[in-house]
Amino acid sequence: MNYPEHVNINRDAWTQSSANWVEPGRSSWISPTITWGIWEVPESEIGVLGELGKLKDLDVIELGCGTAYFSAWFAKLGAKPVGIDVTEAQLSTARAFQNEYGIEFPLIEASAEDVPLPGESFDLAISEYGASIWCDPEKWIAEASRLLRPGGVLIFLRNSTIGSLTAQADGPSKDVLVRDYHSIERMEWDNPPSVEFQIPPGKLIRLLIRNGFEIEDLIEVFPPANAVENRHEYITLEWSKKWPSEEIWRVRKQIK
């Protein structure tokens, strides 16, 4: 497959680091609770999915699924998920978990910018740190719109804007801006080489509207009261108590 340069760079980065995500993936696969982001905030506190019982029988696509723990959660609730990821090493881990825990759903190796599935096939599209930050927003959001049926919902979690503006190259975020507002739209990292996208909220809103979405919710995520330091080196608990480190968007494809 002839992928764009940033897709190849990110696939190589995730291939190199895939072993680091086996045990975190396993922990999420066996968890009875849906949680969000690096602080594992329970869905019961976030409430972005609505009534979990209404997910039964929905066609769900996870864009940039990694080890596919979100898809596994949806499968347990009776939904019909499909996981999409460009990194075979991550999908291999997901398949191993499927065999281990007896939960089966399709896993497809492809970029979320160009999914080899028919349009208007899904009721819900979701991305938690998958397509939402590692794919070109112009492409993956248009693809999410194509894949969703009219009235379908897209939910995605990404880094917060202030988190991206304060992100350090060699340590956790500090209480100071280190880059200008426009430079966060495409951020290139060195260890390992990777490309991250974080377009500012105003531009993101216009992009969503242009692709036929209406915005239903934007949740700025803070750590829960019982949170402890996490294993991610780029953010600290102290910092995240003062500013949101993540944000969750819920948008709906308009019915024309």
Protein backbone atom coordinates (compact mmCIF):
# COMPACT_ATOMS: atom_id res chain seq x y z
CA MET A 1 0.00 0.00 0.00
CA ASN A 2 1.35 3.41 -0.97
CA TYR A 3 0.68 5.46 2.15
CA PRO A 4 1.48 9.16 2.66
CA GLU A 5 4.81 9.87 4.37
CA HIS A 6 3.34 10.69 7.80
CA VAL A 7 1.37 7.40 7.80
CA ASN A 8 4.54 5.40 7.13
CA ILE A 9 6.45 7.31 9.81
CA ASN A 10 3.76 6.70 12.42
CA ARG A 11 3.31 3.05 11.45
CA ASP A 12 7.05 2.50 11.94
CA ALA A 13 6.92 4.26 15.32
CA TRP A 14 4.03 2.12 16.53
CA THR A 15 5.68 -1.02 15.21
CA GLN A 16 8.78 -0.23 17.26
CA SER A 17 6.80 0.47 20.42
CA SER A 18 4.10 -2.19 20.04
CA ALA A 19 5.55 -4.43 22.76
CA ASN A 20 5.10 -1.58 25.26
CA TRP A 21 1.34 -1.66 24.72
CA VAL A 22 0.66 -5.36 25.26
CA GLU A 23 0.12 -5.21 29.02
CA PRO A 24 -1.80 -1.89 29.00
CA GLY A 25 -3.96 -3.39 26.26
CA ARG A 26 -4.53 -6.54 28.30
CA SER A 27 -5.51 -4.49 31.33
CA SER A 28 -8.16 -2.68 29.29
CA TRP A 29 -9.42 -5.86 27.62
CA ILE A 30 -10.15 -7.46 30.97
CA SER A 31 -11.54 -4.30 32.59
CA PRO A 32 -15.33 -4.41 33.09
CA THR A 33 -15.41 -0.60 32.98
CA ILE A 34 -15.07 1.64 29.93
CA THR A 35 -12.53 4.35 30.69
CA TRP A 36 -11.14 7.29 28.76
CA GLY A 37 -7.64 8.61 28.18
CA ILE A 38 -4.42 8.49 30.11
CA TRP A 39 -6.19 9.04 33.46
CA GLU A 40 -8.67 6.21 32.80
CA VAL A 41 -11.67 8.33 33.69
CA PRO A 42 -14.74 6.03 33.87
CA GLU A 43 -17.41 6.47 31.23
CA SER A 44 -19.87 6.75 34.14
CA GLU A 45 -18.20 10.10 34.96
CA ILE A 46 -17.74 11.24 31.35
CA GLY A 47 -21.15 10.21 29.98
CA VAL A 48 -20.27 10.80 26.34
CA LEU A 49 -21.62 7.43 25.10
CA GLY A 50 -25.11 7.91 26.50
CA GLU A 51 -27.01 4.87 27.73
CA LEU A 52 -24.69 1.89 27.30
CA GLY A 53 -27.64 -0.43 26.82
CA LYS A 54 -28.50 1.40 23.61
CA LEU A 55 -25.18 0.38 22.05
CA LYS A 56 -26.47 -3.16 21.52
CA ASP A 57 -26.56 -4.14 17.82
CA LEU A 58 -25.00 -0.86 16.67
CA ASP A 59 -22.42 -1.03 13.88
CA VAL A 60 -19.28 0.58 15.30
CA ILE A 61 -15.97 1.39 13.64
CA GLU A 62 -12.86 2.16 15.69
CA LEU A 63 -10.45 4.33 13.70
CA GLY A 64 -6.88 3.64 14.76
CA CYS A 65 -7.83 0.85 17.13
CA GLY A 66 -4.36 -0.21 18.32
CA THR A 67 -4.91 -3.23 20.57
CA ALA A 68 -8.68 -2.74 20.05
CA TYR A 69 -9.76 -2.59 23.68
CA PHE A 70 -12.51 -0.08 22.87
CA SER A 71 -13.87 -2.43 20.24
CA ALA A 72 -13.73 -5.23 22.81
CA TRP A 73 -15.75 -3.14 25.27
CA PHE A 74 -18.37 -2.49 22.59
CA ALA A 75 -18.50 -6.18 21.67
CA LYS A 76 -19.17 -7.05 25.31
CA LEU A 77 -22.12 -4.63 25.22
CA GLY A 78 -23.58 -6.40 22.19
CA ALA A 79 -22.46 -3.94 19.53
CA LYS A 80 -20.87 -5.03 16.25
CA PRO A 81 -17.43 -3.36 16.12
CA VAL A 82 -14.80 -3.29 13.40
CA GLY A 83 -11.24 -2.24 14.25
CA ILE A 84 -9.07 -0.36 11.74
CA ASP A 85 -5.35 0.17 12.25
CA VAL A 86 -2.36 0.67 9.98
CA THR A 87 0.10 -1.16 12.25
CA GLU A 88 0.13 -4.94 11.84
CA ALA A 89 2.05 -5.38 15.10
CA GLN A 90 -0.79 -3.72 17.03
CA LEU A 91 -3.41 -5.79 15.23
CA SER A 92 -1.43 -8.93 16.03
CA THR A 93 -1.74 -8.10 19.72
CA ALA A 94 -5.46 -7.47 19.29
CA ARG A 95 -5.91 -10.85 17.57
CA ALA A 96 -4.02 -12.58 20.38
CA PHE A 97 -6.41 -11.01 22.90
CA GLN A 98 -9.39 -12.10 20.81
CA ASN A 99 -8.16 -15.68 20.97
CA GLU A 100 -7.33 -15.42 24.66
CA TYR A 101 -10.66 -13.90 25.77
CA GLY A 102 -12.99 -15.38 23.16
CA ILE A 103 -14.21 -12.07 21.78
CA GLU A 104 -14.28 -11.87 18.00
CA PHE A 105 -14.81 -8.96 15.62
CA PRO A 106 -13.19 -7.92 12.33
CA LEU A 107 -9.75 -6.30 12.40
CA ILE A 108 -8.59 -4.62 9.21
CA GLU A 109 -5.12 -3.35 8.41
CA ALA A 110 -5.65 0.05 6.78
CA SER A 111 -5.16 3.74 7.38
CA ALA A 112 -8.13 5.56 8.91
CA GLU A 113 -7.59 8.12 6.15
CA ASP A 114 -8.63 5.54 3.53
CA VAL A 115 -10.80 2.72 4.88
CA PRO A 116 -11.63 -0.13 2.44
CA LEU A 117 -15.28 -0.38 3.48
CA PRO A 118 -18.54 0.89 1.94
CA GLY A 119 -19.92 4.27 2.89
CA GLU A 120 -22.83 4.72 5.30
CA SER A 121 -22.12 1.37 6.97
CA PHE A 122 -21.83 2.44 10.63
CA ASP A 123 -23.88 4.02 13.40
CA LEU A 124 -20.91 5.05 15.53
CA ALA A 125 -17.28 5.90 14.79
CA ILE A 126 -14.80 6.23 17.62
CA SER A 127 -11.16 7.18 18.05
CA GLU A 128 -9.31 7.40 21.35
CA TYR A 129 -5.75 8.53 20.57
CA GLY A 130 -5.87 6.79 17.20
CA ALA A 131 -6.85 8.59 14.04
CA SER A 132 -7.71 11.56 16.24
CA ILE A 133 -4.05 12.57 16.61
CA TRP A 134 -2.01 10.38 14.23
CA CYS A 135 -3.94 10.96 11.00
CA ASP A 136 -4.40 14.04 8.83
CA PRO A 137 -7.62 15.66 10.14
CA GLU A 138 -8.69 16.77 6.69
CA LYS A 139 -8.63 13.14 5.56
CA TRP A 140 -9.74 11.07 8.53
CA ILE A 141 -12.70 13.28 9.46
CA ALA A 142 -13.93 13.21 5.87
CA GLU A 143 -13.55 9.43 5.93
CA ALA A 144 -15.47 9.15 9.21
CA SER A 145 -18.29 11.17 7.65
CA ARG A 146 -18.32 8.89 4.61
CA LEU A 147 -18.48 5.75 6.75
CA LEU A 148 -21.29 6.94 9.01
CA ARG A 149 -24.96 6.66 8.22
CA PRO A 150 -26.99 9.89 8.38
CA GLY A 151 -27.59 10.57 12.05
CA GLY A 152 -24.52 8.53 13.03
CA VAL A 153 -22.21 9.72 15.79
CA LEU A 154 -18.46 10.35 15.81
CA ILE A 155 -16.70 10.43 19.20
CA PHE A 156 -12.99 11.14 19.47
CA LEU A 157 -10.52 11.88 22.23
CA ARG A 158 -7.37 13.90 21.57
CA ASN A 159 -4.82 15.97 23.47
CA SER A 160 -6.06 19.31 24.67
CA THR A 161 -4.94 22.44 22.86
CA ILE A 162 -3.17 23.81 25.93
CA GLY A 163 -1.48 20.45 26.40
CA SER A 164 -0.08 20.63 22.89
CA LEU A 165 1.03 24.24 23.31
CA THR A 166 3.00 23.35 26.45
CA ALA A 167 4.28 19.91 25.40
CA GLN A 168 8.02 19.49 25.85
CA ALA A 169 10.29 17.51 23.55
CA ASP A 170 12.26 16.03 26.44
CA GLY A 171 9.96 15.89 29.44
CA PRO A 172 6.50 16.62 30.84
CA SER A 173 4.51 19.75 30.06
CA LYS A 174 5.37 22.81 32.11
CA ASP A 175 3.46 25.94 33.07
CA VAL A 176 4.70 27.81 30.02
CA LEU A 177 3.84 27.95 26.31
CA VAL A 178 6.63 26.48 24.20
CA ARG A 179 5.18 26.75 20.69
CA ASP A 180 2.93 29.09 18.77
CA TYR A 181 -0.73 28.43 18.08
CA HIS A 182 -0.31 27.40 14.45
CA SER A 183 2.65 25.07 14.89
CA ILE A 184 0.54 22.49 16.76
CA GLU A 185 -1.32 21.64 13.54
CA ARG A 186 1.53 19.27 12.65
CA MET A 187 4.08 18.37 15.33
CA GLU A 188 7.05 16.18 14.52
CA TRP A 189 8.77 14.22 17.28
CA ASP A 190 12.18 12.56 17.29
CA ASN A 191 12.08 9.69 19.76
CA PRO A 192 10.83 7.73 17.94
CA PRO A 193 10.20 9.77 14.78
CA SER A 194 6.45 10.43 14.59
CA VAL A 195 3.97 13.01 13.33
CA GLU A 196 1.08 14.26 15.44
CA PHE A 197 -1.81 16.49 14.36
CA GLN A 198 -3.64 18.92 16.67
CA ILE A 199 -5.53 21.56 14.75
CA PRO A 200 -6.89 24.40 16.94
CA PRO A 201 -10.55 24.21 18.05
CA GLY A 202 -11.87 26.92 15.72
CA LYS A 203 -10.36 25.26 12.68
CA LEU A 204 -11.55 21.86 13.88
CA ILE A 205 -15.11 23.12 14.29
CA ARG A 206 -15.13 24.49 10.75
CA LEU A 207 -13.70 21.20 9.44
CA LEU A 208 -16.39 19.18 11.22
CA ILE A 209 -19.17 21.41 9.91
CA ARG A 210 -17.75 21.26 6.38
CA ASN A 211 -17.96 17.46 6.57
CA GLY A 212 -21.60 17.47 7.58
CA PHE A 213 -21.31 17.19 11.37
CA GLU A 214 -23.08 19.11 14.08
CA ILE A 215 -21.37 19.38 17.45
CA GLU A 216 -23.19 17.85 20.42
CA ASP A 217 -20.58 17.98 23.18
CA LEU A 218 -17.01 18.89 24.05
CA ILE A 219 -15.70 17.49 27.32
CA GLU A 220 -12.44 18.76 28.79
CA VAL A 221 -10.92 15.87 30.72
CA PHE A 222 -9.32 16.23 34.14
CA PRO A 223 -8.00 13.37 36.32
CA PRO A 224 -10.51 11.76 38.69
CA ALA A 225 -10.17 12.46 42.41
CA ASN A 226 -8.41 9.14 43.06
CA ALA A 227 -5.91 9.47 40.19
CA VAL A 228 -2.23 8.66 40.70
CA GLU A 229 0.71 9.44 38.45
CA ASN A 230 0.48 7.56 35.17
CA ARG A 231 3.23 5.96 33.12
CA HIS A 232 3.17 8.61 30.40
CA GLU A 233 6.19 10.86 30.70
CA TYR A 234 4.76 13.83 28.82
CA ILE A 235 2.20 14.87 31.44
CA THR A 236 2.01 14.96 35.23
CA LEU A 237 -0.87 14.68 37.65
CA GLU A 238 -0.09 18.11 39.16
CA TRP A 239 -0.23 19.76 35.72
CA SER A 240 -3.41 17.94 34.74
CA LYS A 241 -5.24 19.05 37.86
CA LYS A 242 -4.78 22.67 36.75
CA TRP A 243 -5.48 22.34 33.04
CA PRO A 244 -7.29 19.74 30.92
CA SER A 245 -4.80 17.36 29.33
CA GLU A 246 -7.39 15.83 26.99
CA GLU A 247 -10.68 16.63 25.32
CA ILE A 248 -13.50 14.46 23.97
CA TRP A 249 -15.64 15.59 21.06
CA ARG A 250 -19.07 14.16 20.24
CA VAL A 251 -20.51 15.14 16.87
CA ARG A 252 -23.39 13.83 14.76
CA LYS A 253 -23.65 13.48 10.99
CA GLN A 254 -26.56 15.56 9.85
CA ILE A 255 -29.59 14.02 8.19
CA LYS A 256 -30.19 15.88 4.96
